[in-house]
Amino acid sequence: MLQRPRRTGGMALSEKPSVRFQRANFVVRDLDRALTFYEGVLGFEVTYRLGHHPDSYSIPVFDIPDGARLGFAILSLPGQPRVMALSEISEIVLEPVPHPRRGAIVLETQDPDAVTAASRELGLHVYEEGALTTHDGREGREIGIVDFDDNLVVIYLIPEDGK
C-alpha cells in the first residue's frame, strides 16, 4: 500500500505531492478534425504535437494493433499548461466504446451558449441543458457535448451569485 505523508496542515512549498494530476487524454480517429472542436470551440491551444512513433508507450498501453498510425497533441488553456491530450489512432477501425460512457472531462466556461452553438454548427451532439447544484449549494448550468469520437465533454457555468 502506498504510504501517504502525514499532514499537519498545509504542504510545504518544497514538498512534492505523492500524486499530481497531469492531464486527461482522449483517443480520436482524426486529430485535425478533433482540433476543430478542442481548439476552435473550447479554446485549447496545441502546445506540442508528435507524429507516428512506432516505439510509443501508447501502443501497448492502449492495446493498439499492428498497422495503426499514431499522432499525439498536448493541449493547454491560459494558465493551465498541458492539461489535455489527444491521441490519434488511424488506419485501423476503432470499435465504438460501449455505453454507458466510461469517462468525461468537465470544463468551466464563461459562455456556454456560444460553446453549445459552435458545437452544434460542427454537427456534434449537444445534450439538453441540466440544472447544476454544487456540493455547497450553488446553482448553475451544465451541458454535455459529445465530440466526433464519442468522447464526452461536460461544460458548466456557476454565475457569480451562485443562483
Protein backbone atom coordinates (compact mmCIF):
# COMPACT_ATOMS: atom_id res chain seq x y z
CA MET A 1 0.00 0.00 0.00
CA LEU A 2 1.22 3.50 -0.84
CA GLN A 3 2.19 5.35 2.30
CA ARG A 4 0.98 8.90 2.41
CA PRO A 5 2.98 11.54 4.25
CA ARG A 6 1.41 12.73 7.48
CA ARG A 7 -0.13 16.15 7.17
CA THR A 8 -0.05 18.66 9.97
CA GLY A 9 -1.57 21.47 7.94
CA GLY A 10 -0.65 22.84 4.53
CA MET A 11 2.03 21.23 2.42
CA ALA A 12 5.42 22.92 2.42
CA LEU A 13 6.30 24.60 -0.89
CA SER A 14 9.33 22.34 -1.36
CA GLU A 15 7.36 19.15 -0.66
CA LYS A 16 6.05 17.31 -3.72
CA PRO A 17 2.63 15.71 -3.51
CA SER A 18 2.59 11.92 -3.68
CA VAL A 19 0.26 12.21 -6.72
CA ARG A 20 -0.16 15.17 -9.08
CA PHE A 21 -2.76 15.26 -11.83
CA GLN A 22 -1.00 15.90 -15.15
CA ARG A 23 -3.57 15.65 -17.95
CA ALA A 24 -6.60 13.90 -19.35
CA ASN A 25 -6.36 12.04 -22.67
CA PHE A 26 -8.95 11.16 -25.28
CA VAL A 27 -8.44 8.82 -28.23
CA VAL A 28 -9.53 10.26 -31.58
CA ARG A 29 -9.51 9.00 -35.18
CA ASP A 30 -8.56 12.27 -36.85
CA LEU A 31 -6.52 14.76 -34.87
CA ASP A 32 -7.11 17.70 -37.21
CA ARG A 33 -10.85 17.14 -37.14
CA ALA A 34 -10.84 16.80 -33.34
CA LEU A 35 -8.94 20.07 -33.05
CA THR A 36 -11.78 21.93 -34.79
CA PHE A 37 -13.68 21.32 -31.56
CA TYR A 38 -10.95 21.40 -28.90
CA GLU A 39 -9.13 24.43 -30.36
CA GLY A 40 -11.84 26.14 -32.38
CA VAL A 41 -14.72 25.85 -29.92
CA LEU A 42 -13.27 25.17 -26.47
CA GLY A 43 -10.21 27.40 -26.86
CA PHE A 44 -7.42 24.91 -26.16
CA GLU A 45 -4.03 25.63 -27.75
CA VAL A 46 -1.76 22.93 -29.15
CA THR A 47 1.49 23.21 -27.22
CA TYR A 48 3.13 20.05 -28.53
CA ARG A 49 2.39 17.75 -31.43
CA LEU A 50 4.05 14.47 -32.38
CA GLY A 51 3.53 12.28 -35.41
CA HIS A 52 3.68 8.50 -35.60
CA HIS A 53 6.30 6.93 -33.37
CA PRO A 54 6.43 3.11 -33.68
CA ASP A 55 8.04 2.70 -30.24
CA SER A 56 5.39 4.75 -28.46
CA TYR A 57 4.41 3.61 -24.98
CA SER A 58 0.80 4.22 -26.07
CA ILE A 59 0.91 1.15 -28.34
CA PRO A 60 0.96 -1.45 -25.54
CA VAL A 61 -0.96 0.70 -23.04
CA PHE A 62 -3.89 1.35 -25.37
CA ASP A 63 -3.60 -2.17 -26.87
CA ILE A 64 -3.16 -0.73 -30.36
CA PRO A 65 -2.91 -3.38 -33.10
CA ASP A 66 -0.23 -3.57 -35.78
CA GLY A 67 -0.85 -1.34 -38.78
CA ALA A 68 -2.20 1.59 -36.80
CA ARG A 69 -0.64 5.02 -37.06
CA LEU A 70 -0.45 7.27 -34.05
CA GLY A 71 -0.48 11.00 -33.62
CA PHE A 72 -0.43 12.98 -30.42
CA ALA A 73 -1.17 16.52 -29.32
CA ILE A 74 -0.86 18.12 -25.92
CA LEU A 75 -3.27 20.98 -25.30
CA SER A 76 -3.17 23.91 -22.91
CA LEU A 77 -5.53 26.58 -21.71
CA PRO A 78 -4.47 30.03 -20.48
CA GLY A 79 -2.77 29.49 -17.13
CA GLN A 80 -3.29 25.72 -17.40
CA PRO A 81 -0.39 24.20 -19.31
CA ARG A 82 -0.60 20.72 -20.81
CA VAL A 83 -3.87 19.68 -19.14
CA MET A 84 -5.32 17.72 -22.07
CA ALA A 85 -4.02 15.32 -24.70
CA LEU A 86 -5.50 13.83 -27.83
CA SER A 87 -4.08 10.53 -29.08
CA GLU A 88 -4.87 9.91 -32.73
CA ILE A 89 -5.18 6.29 -33.81
CA SER A 90 -5.69 6.00 -37.55
CA GLU A 91 -5.53 3.48 -40.39
CA ILE A 92 -7.47 0.88 -38.39
CA VAL A 93 -11.13 0.57 -37.48
CA LEU A 94 -11.82 1.84 -33.98
CA GLU A 95 -14.71 -0.05 -32.48
CA PRO A 96 -17.24 2.10 -30.63
CA VAL A 97 -16.84 2.10 -26.87
CA PRO A 98 -19.94 0.54 -25.33
CA HIS A 99 -22.21 2.72 -23.25
CA PRO A 100 -22.58 3.82 -20.56
CA ARG A 101 -19.64 6.10 -21.21
CA ARG A 102 -16.63 5.39 -19.03
CA GLY A 103 -15.23 8.90 -18.68
CA ALA A 104 -15.57 12.59 -19.41
CA ILE A 105 -13.79 15.86 -18.95
CA VAL A 106 -15.57 18.69 -17.15
CA LEU A 107 -14.81 22.27 -18.12
CA GLU A 108 -15.99 25.55 -16.68
CA THR A 109 -16.86 28.06 -19.40
CA GLN A 110 -17.99 31.64 -19.13
CA ASP A 111 -20.13 31.42 -22.29
CA PRO A 112 -21.91 28.07 -22.51
CA ASP A 113 -24.34 29.40 -25.11
CA ALA A 114 -21.50 30.21 -27.54
CA VAL A 115 -19.85 26.82 -26.90
CA THR A 116 -23.07 24.90 -27.50
CA ALA A 117 -23.93 26.90 -30.63
CA ALA A 118 -20.47 26.34 -32.12
CA SER A 119 -20.61 22.65 -31.20
CA ARG A 120 -23.94 22.27 -32.97
CA GLU A 121 -22.50 24.04 -36.03
CA LEU A 122 -19.82 21.32 -36.16
CA GLY A 123 -22.59 18.72 -36.09
CA LEU A 124 -21.77 17.48 -32.60
CA HIS A 125 -24.41 16.07 -30.28
CA VAL A 126 -25.31 18.58 -27.58
CA TYR A 127 -27.47 17.33 -24.72
CA GLU A 128 -30.32 19.34 -23.26
CA GLU A 129 -29.10 21.66 -20.54
CA GLY A 130 -29.34 20.45 -16.96
CA ALA A 131 -29.56 22.29 -13.67
CA LEU A 132 -26.39 22.04 -11.61
CA THR A 133 -26.32 22.17 -7.82
CA THR A 134 -22.85 22.02 -6.29
CA HIS A 135 -21.84 20.29 -3.08
CA ASP A 136 -22.07 23.65 -1.30
CA GLY A 137 -25.49 24.62 -2.67
CA ARG A 138 -24.52 26.96 -5.51
CA GLU A 139 -26.65 26.67 -8.63
CA GLY A 140 -25.59 26.78 -12.24
CA ARG A 141 -25.89 25.25 -15.70
CA GLU A 142 -24.34 22.10 -17.17
CA ILE A 143 -24.41 20.76 -20.71
CA GLY A 144 -22.97 17.58 -22.19
CA ILE A 145 -21.31 17.63 -25.62
CA VAL A 146 -20.14 14.54 -27.49
CA ASP A 147 -17.10 15.05 -29.71
CA PHE A 148 -16.54 13.42 -33.12
CA ASP A 149 -15.24 10.24 -31.46
CA ASP A 150 -17.94 9.76 -28.82
CA ASN A 151 -15.86 11.33 -26.03
CA LEU A 152 -17.97 13.25 -23.53
CA VAL A 153 -17.20 16.85 -22.56
CA VAL A 154 -19.40 18.43 -19.89
CA ILE A 155 -19.34 22.21 -19.71
CA TYR A 156 -20.73 24.20 -16.83
CA LEU A 157 -21.20 27.72 -15.52
CA ILE A 158 -21.94 28.82 -11.99
CA PRO A 159 -22.87 32.51 -12.03
CA GLU A 160 -21.02 34.83 -9.65
CA ASP A 161 -24.04 35.00 -7.32
CA GLY A 162 -24.44 31.18 -7.48
CA LYS A 163 -28.09 31.47 -8.46
